[in-house]
Amino acid sequence: MKIIINILSVICFLLFLGNSKAKKDDSSYTLAFIKDVYIDEGNYTFNGSNDSVYTKGEGERTENFIGVFPKENDTVAIYKLNKDLNEKPEKFSFWSKKKNNQTITFYCSMGDDIKITFGNQNNIIINNDTYEVNKEYYTFLKQKILIEKSVLDLAFFLKDGYGDYEESLEPLNKNWRNQKEDNRFKIIKAKIKNKNYQTDDQFFSYEFTYKYTKRGIVENILGQNSFTKKKIEENNKYLVYVTDRSVNERALVQEYLYKNKKTFLDSIVGSRIRYSDATTYHYKKFQSILKTINIATKPSNLRDILKLLDLNKKNLD
């Protein structure tokens, strides 16, 4: 009798494991909700006598986004919600096509394509740009981007945004999955060719170099006159960077990036100088909410997505 009880106990345990595994594998989609906050703090226009005129900003505005991420990464959809949830939201779609065992192209509904080729000597070619990474990062990115077709990992790789694909990837360049940087992975250098939109076939070419601390944290990125990023402070809560970015030789953007070590919900304090009228615009922006759930089947419409995420007009304001 004791033997029979033991056998039944083992069978029950195996059935439990099987059911647990089935439930774990049953999550085929991840739904994510984020809230972005932008604060327009106004601008100062300088005149020839070193005085300035202040114009009040529009204050705070919020934008709500929902992401639908399939486990197989076949098609990613991002929705930018309207204040009136009955209005059709703006939708950004991403999908991919693998050409061979070295190349994949990501497409987006905005019309721009991003072609990625994994070359020799840990080089990754993205459209007209070439990135050299360390061996660990090359192996990781090849698995995630080429094999698993993860456009989210592509966006995270290119998060500093100095290539011409920055605008296309912007809907993905948010904290969609509470992702922490892995200090084992390093970009060594990059050669970037940005289009000169005043001509048809000319480019601005830049070389970027990366420097890291002994712990593998980015210390600075030098991109000649187009982009620089420097770590200026670190405490128990934040890593603080200052970045300077040229915009089409007509403006300069300077941003202080506060990277939250615990929540990974980073914040930015920035200013944009427009040379044509000597005006400096001041702003802040941050992500205030991240909410995710895993589900078995793809929702048929936005109303179902809102219901699953337990979202309504009240908690979207």
Protein backbone atom coordinates (compact mmCIF):
# COMPACT_ATOMS: atom_id res chain seq x y z
CA MET A 1 0.00 0.00 0.00
CA LYS A 2 2.84 2.34 0.90
CA ILE A 3 4.46 1.73 -2.50
CA ILE A 4 1.20 2.59 -4.30
CA ILE A 5 0.90 5.84 -2.33
CA ASN A 6 4.48 6.78 -3.21
CA ILE A 7 3.85 6.06 -6.90
CA LEU A 8 0.68 8.17 -6.83
CA SER A 9 2.60 10.98 -5.13
CA VAL A 10 5.27 10.93 -7.86
CA ILE A 11 2.61 10.94 -10.58
CA CYS A 12 0.82 13.90 -8.98
CA PHE A 13 4.10 15.78 -8.67
CA LEU A 14 4.93 15.17 -12.35
CA LEU A 15 1.45 16.29 -13.38
CA PHE A 16 1.91 19.44 -11.31
CA LEU A 17 5.20 20.21 -13.03
CA GLY A 18 3.66 19.59 -16.41
CA ASN A 19 0.75 21.91 -15.69
CA SER A 20 3.09 24.57 -14.32
CA LYS A 21 5.23 24.39 -17.44
CA ALA A 22 2.15 24.54 -19.68
CA LYS A 23 0.94 27.65 -17.85
CA LYS A 24 4.37 29.26 -18.11
CA ASP A 25 4.64 28.55 -21.82
CA ASP A 26 1.05 29.72 -22.37
CA SER A 27 2.05 33.41 -22.38
CA SER A 28 2.34 34.22 -26.06
CA TYR A 29 1.97 38.01 -25.82
CA THR A 30 3.07 40.80 -23.51
CA LEU A 31 0.97 43.94 -23.17
CA ALA A 32 2.70 47.03 -21.79
CA PHE A 33 1.41 50.45 -20.82
CA ILE A 34 3.60 53.50 -20.25
CA LYS A 35 2.93 57.15 -19.49
CA ASP A 36 5.32 59.81 -20.77
CA VAL A 37 5.40 63.26 -19.17
CA TYR A 38 6.80 66.33 -20.97
CA ILE A 39 7.10 69.71 -19.22
CA ASP A 40 7.57 72.80 -21.41
CA GLU A 41 9.31 75.31 -19.11
CA GLY A 42 9.39 78.14 -21.61
CA ASN A 43 12.16 79.86 -23.57
CA TYR A 44 14.56 82.77 -23.44
CA THR A 45 15.37 84.89 -26.50
CA PHE A 46 18.60 86.86 -26.25
CA ASN A 47 19.20 90.25 -27.85
CA GLY A 48 22.36 92.16 -28.67
CA SER A 49 22.61 93.84 -25.25
CA ASN A 50 22.97 90.54 -23.36
CA ASP A 51 19.39 90.79 -22.13
CA SER A 52 16.76 88.13 -22.71
CA VAL A 53 13.01 87.94 -23.09
CA TYR A 54 11.22 85.07 -21.34
CA THR A 55 8.22 83.37 -22.92
CA LYS A 56 6.16 81.13 -20.65
CA GLY A 57 5.92 77.51 -21.67
CA GLU A 58 2.82 75.38 -22.08
CA GLY A 59 3.47 73.43 -18.90
CA GLU A 60 2.94 69.71 -18.45
CA ARG A 61 1.47 67.32 -20.97
CA THR A 62 1.19 63.54 -20.81
CA GLU A 63 1.19 60.94 -23.56
CA ASN A 64 -0.01 57.37 -23.10
CA PHE A 65 1.34 54.42 -25.09
CA ILE A 66 0.44 50.74 -25.29
CA GLY A 67 2.74 48.10 -26.75
CA VAL A 68 1.75 44.64 -27.99
CA PHE A 69 4.78 42.34 -28.07
CA PRO A 70 4.40 38.77 -29.36
CA LYS A 71 6.66 36.08 -27.97
CA GLU A 72 7.80 35.22 -31.49
CA ASN A 73 8.50 38.90 -32.33
CA ASP A 74 6.76 38.61 -35.71
CA THR A 75 4.89 41.94 -35.56
CA VAL A 76 5.22 44.56 -32.81
CA ALA A 77 2.52 47.22 -32.47
CA ILE A 78 2.71 50.49 -30.52
CA TYR A 79 -0.42 52.60 -29.94
CA LYS A 80 -0.33 56.27 -28.99
CA LEU A 81 -3.64 56.85 -27.24
CA ASN A 82 -5.86 59.91 -27.58
CA LYS A 83 -7.48 61.64 -24.64
CA ASP A 84 -10.80 60.43 -26.03
CA LEU A 85 -10.41 56.66 -26.01
CA ASN A 86 -13.16 56.35 -28.60
CA GLU A 87 -10.92 58.08 -31.15
CA LYS A 88 -8.68 55.88 -33.27
CA PRO A 89 -5.13 55.93 -31.85
CA GLU A 90 -1.96 56.49 -33.83
CA LYS A 91 -0.40 53.10 -34.53
CA PHE A 92 3.24 52.19 -35.23
CA SER A 93 3.95 48.70 -36.56
CA PHE A 94 7.28 46.88 -36.85
CA TRP A 95 8.03 43.62 -38.64
CA SER A 96 11.05 41.94 -40.20
CA LYS A 97 12.32 39.75 -43.00
CA LYS A 98 15.47 37.67 -42.75
CA LYS A 99 17.50 37.64 -45.98
CA ASN A 100 20.17 35.08 -45.02
CA ASN A 101 22.10 33.87 -41.98
CA GLN A 102 23.87 37.23 -41.63
CA THR A 103 21.29 39.86 -42.62
CA ILE A 104 17.85 40.93 -41.46
CA THR A 105 15.74 43.97 -42.35
CA PHE A 106 13.23 45.59 -40.03
CA TYR A 107 10.33 47.50 -41.54
CA CYS A 108 8.09 50.05 -39.88
CA SER A 109 4.78 51.64 -40.78
CA MET A 110 6.43 55.09 -40.94
CA GLY A 111 8.10 53.95 -44.16
CA ASP A 112 11.78 53.65 -43.24
CA ASP A 113 13.68 50.35 -43.38
CA ILE A 114 16.60 49.35 -41.17
CA LYS A 115 18.96 46.73 -42.59
CA ILE A 116 21.27 44.93 -40.17
CA THR A 117 24.21 42.78 -41.28
CA PHE A 118 26.42 40.88 -38.86
CA GLY A 119 29.90 41.09 -40.37
CA ASN A 120 33.32 39.83 -39.41
CA GLN A 121 35.45 40.85 -36.43
CA ASN A 122 32.46 41.76 -34.25
CA ASN A 123 31.24 44.42 -36.69
CA ILE A 124 27.52 45.14 -37.11
CA ILE A 125 26.46 47.17 -40.16
CA ILE A 126 23.21 49.12 -39.83
CA ASN A 127 22.21 50.84 -43.08
CA ASN A 128 25.22 53.11 -43.77
CA ASP A 129 26.74 52.81 -40.29
CA THR A 130 29.24 50.37 -38.81
CA TYR A 131 29.46 49.45 -35.12
CA GLU A 132 32.31 47.53 -33.52
CA VAL A 133 31.26 45.74 -30.32
CA ASN A 134 32.97 43.31 -27.99
CA LYS A 135 32.60 39.57 -28.54
CA GLU A 136 30.01 39.11 -25.76
CA TYR A 137 27.73 41.83 -27.16
CA TYR A 138 28.13 40.59 -30.74
CA THR A 139 27.03 37.07 -29.75
CA PHE A 140 24.11 38.40 -27.72
CA LEU A 141 22.87 40.77 -30.43
CA LYS A 142 23.18 38.16 -33.15
CA GLN A 143 21.00 35.80 -31.14
CA LYS A 144 18.42 38.44 -30.23
CA ILE A 145 18.24 40.47 -33.45
CA LEU A 146 19.07 37.96 -36.18
CA ILE A 147 17.72 34.74 -34.71
CA GLU A 148 14.90 35.92 -32.45
CA LYS A 149 14.05 38.98 -34.62
CA SER A 150 13.75 41.26 -31.58
CA VAL A 151 13.30 44.84 -32.70
CA LEU A 152 13.21 45.84 -29.01
CA ASP A 153 16.79 44.67 -28.56
CA LEU A 154 17.75 46.57 -31.72
CA ALA A 155 16.23 49.75 -30.28
CA PHE A 156 17.98 49.22 -26.94
CA PHE A 157 21.30 48.76 -28.74
CA LEU A 158 20.79 52.05 -30.63
CA LYS A 159 19.25 53.98 -27.72
CA ASP A 160 21.75 56.87 -27.86
CA GLY A 161 20.08 57.79 -31.14
CA TYR A 162 22.78 59.34 -33.29
CA GLY A 163 21.92 57.47 -36.51
CA ASP A 164 19.35 58.38 -39.16
CA TYR A 165 17.05 55.62 -37.84
CA GLU A 166 16.46 57.43 -34.53
CA GLU A 167 13.04 58.74 -35.56
CA SER A 168 11.87 55.34 -36.83
CA LEU A 169 12.81 53.61 -33.57
CA GLU A 170 11.55 56.38 -31.27
CA PRO A 171 8.28 54.58 -30.32
CA LEU A 172 10.40 51.63 -29.14
CA ASN A 173 13.03 53.72 -27.38
CA LYS A 174 11.16 53.68 -24.09
CA ASN A 175 11.30 51.51 -21.00
CA TRP A 176 8.93 48.82 -22.29
CA ARG A 177 10.30 45.94 -20.19
CA ASN A 178 12.21 47.39 -17.25
CA GLN A 179 15.48 46.42 -18.92
CA LYS A 180 18.76 46.88 -17.09
CA GLU A 181 21.99 47.50 -18.95
CA ASP A 182 24.43 44.58 -18.89
CA ASN A 183 27.91 45.90 -18.16
CA ARG A 184 29.48 42.95 -19.98
CA PHE A 185 28.24 44.34 -23.30
CA LYS A 186 30.22 47.16 -24.88
CA ILE A 187 30.21 49.24 -28.05
CA ILE A 188 33.86 49.95 -28.86
CA LYS A 189 33.43 52.45 -31.67
CA ALA A 190 31.13 53.40 -34.52
CA LYS A 191 31.32 55.05 -37.93
CA ILE A 192 28.14 57.00 -38.67
CA LYS A 193 26.99 58.54 -41.95
CA ASN A 194 24.01 60.86 -41.50
CA LYS A 195 22.18 62.16 -44.54
CA ASN A 196 22.58 65.77 -45.58
CA TYR A 197 18.94 66.55 -46.26
CA GLN A 198 19.87 69.67 -48.24
CA THR A 199 21.35 67.44 -50.96
CA ASP A 200 20.35 64.13 -52.53
CA ASP A 201 23.47 62.02 -52.16
CA GLN A 202 25.77 63.58 -49.57
CA PHE A 203 26.40 62.52 -45.97
CA PHE A 204 27.91 63.90 -42.79
CA SER A 205 30.42 61.33 -41.53
CA TYR A 206 31.40 60.95 -37.88
CA GLU A 207 33.49 58.55 -35.81
CA PHE A 208 32.34 57.65 -32.31
CA THR A 209 34.54 56.20 -29.58
CA TYR A 210 33.42 54.75 -26.24
CA LYS A 211 35.24 54.75 -22.91
CA TYR A 212 34.17 52.63 -19.93
CA THR A 213 34.91 52.52 -16.22
CA LYS A 214 36.46 49.42 -14.62
CA ARG A 215 32.92 48.29 -13.74
CA GLY A 216 31.88 48.42 -17.41
CA ILE A 217 29.79 51.60 -17.10
CA VAL A 218 29.93 54.08 -19.97
CA GLU A 219 32.22 56.93 -18.95
CA ASN A 220 31.96 58.94 -22.15
CA ILE A 221 31.07 58.78 -25.83
CA LEU A 222 32.90 61.10 -28.20
CA GLY A 223 31.32 61.74 -31.57
CA GLN A 224 33.41 64.65 -32.83
CA ASN A 225 31.22 67.74 -33.26
CA SER A 226 27.93 65.87 -33.62
CA PHE A 227 27.44 64.10 -30.28
CA THR A 228 29.10 63.75 -26.89
CA LYS A 229 27.97 61.99 -23.73
CA LYS A 230 29.81 62.19 -20.41
CA LYS A 231 29.17 60.72 -16.96
CA ILE A 232 29.30 63.59 -14.48
CA GLU A 233 27.89 62.13 -11.26
CA GLU A 234 26.92 58.88 -9.54
CA ASN A 235 25.11 58.31 -6.25
CA ASN A 236 22.99 55.57 -4.69
CA LYS A 237 19.96 56.45 -6.84
CA TYR A 238 21.21 57.87 -10.14
CA LEU A 239 23.86 57.76 -12.80
CA VAL A 240 23.95 61.25 -14.32
CA TYR A 241 25.13 62.01 -17.85
CA VAL A 242 25.26 65.18 -19.88
CA THR A 243 24.86 64.90 -23.65
CA ASP A 244 25.39 67.49 -26.37
CA ARG A 245 23.92 66.88 -29.80
CA SER A 246 24.06 69.04 -32.95
CA VAL A 247 20.84 69.22 -34.97
CA ASN A 248 21.41 69.87 -38.68
CA GLU A 249 24.02 72.55 -37.84
CA ARG A 250 21.16 74.90 -36.90
CA ALA A 251 20.57 73.97 -33.29
CA LEU A 252 22.21 72.36 -30.27
CA VAL A 253 20.47 70.12 -27.75
CA GLN A 254 21.96 69.64 -24.30
CA GLU A 255 20.37 67.11 -21.95
CA TYR A 256 21.08 65.90 -18.44
CA LEU A 257 20.10 62.23 -18.25
CA TYR A 258 19.28 60.81 -14.81
CA LYS A 259 19.44 57.01 -15.02
CA ASN A 260 17.51 55.54 -12.10
CA LYS A 261 19.39 52.51 -10.74
CA LYS A 262 16.31 50.99 -9.08
CA THR A 263 13.29 51.65 -11.29
CA PHE A 264 15.12 52.20 -14.64
CA LEU A 265 12.52 54.95 -15.29
CA ASP A 266 15.00 57.58 -16.43
CA SER A 267 14.39 61.33 -16.58
CA ILE A 268 15.83 64.16 -18.68
CA VAL A 269 16.37 67.87 -18.04
CA GLY A 270 17.12 69.51 -21.36
CA SER A 271 17.58 72.67 -23.36
CA ARG A 272 17.54 73.35 -27.09
CA ILE A 273 19.37 76.33 -28.57
CA ARG A 274 18.14 77.59 -31.93
CA TYR A 275 20.86 79.67 -33.52
CA SER A 276 18.68 81.52 -36.05
CA ASP A 277 16.92 83.64 -33.42
CA ALA A 278 19.17 83.03 -30.37
CA THR A 279 16.39 81.29 -28.46
CA THR A 280 16.88 78.64 -25.80
CA TYR A 281 14.00 76.29 -25.00
CA HIS A 282 13.90 74.49 -21.63
CA TYR A 283 12.07 71.25 -20.88
CA LYS A 284 11.89 68.14 -18.73
CA LYS A 285 10.66 64.69 -19.69
CA PHE A 286 10.31 61.37 -17.94
CA GLN A 287 8.36 58.13 -17.94
CA SER A 288 6.15 57.87 -14.88
CA ILE A 289 4.47 54.47 -15.26
CA LEU A 290 5.28 51.01 -16.59
CA LYS A 291 2.63 48.29 -16.38
CA THR A 292 2.93 44.90 -18.09
CA ILE A 293 0.89 41.69 -18.28
CA ASN A 294 1.39 38.39 -20.12
CA ILE A 295 -1.51 36.80 -21.99
CA ALA A 296 -2.11 33.67 -24.04
CA THR A 297 -3.86 35.06 -27.13
CA LYS A 298 -3.66 38.32 -29.04
CA PRO A 299 -6.51 40.75 -28.23
CA SER A 300 -8.80 41.43 -31.17
CA ASN A 301 -9.08 45.20 -30.63
CA LEU A 302 -7.90 48.13 -28.54
CA ARG A 303 -10.92 47.97 -26.25
CA ASP A 304 -9.92 44.46 -25.19
CA ILE A 305 -6.34 45.63 -24.60
CA LEU A 306 -7.52 48.48 -22.36
CA LYS A 307 -9.70 46.06 -20.42
CA LEU A 308 -6.90 43.55 -19.92
CA LEU A 309 -4.57 46.32 -18.69
CA ASP A 310 -7.39 47.73 -16.51
CA LEU A 311 -7.10 51.17 -18.10
CA ASN A 312 -9.78 53.83 -18.40
CA LYS A 313 -10.03 57.58 -18.89
CA LYS A 314 -9.50 58.25 -15.20
CA ASN A 315 -6.12 56.55 -14.90
CA LEU A 316 -4.96 57.84 -18.30
CA ASP A 317 -5.33 61.52 -17.34
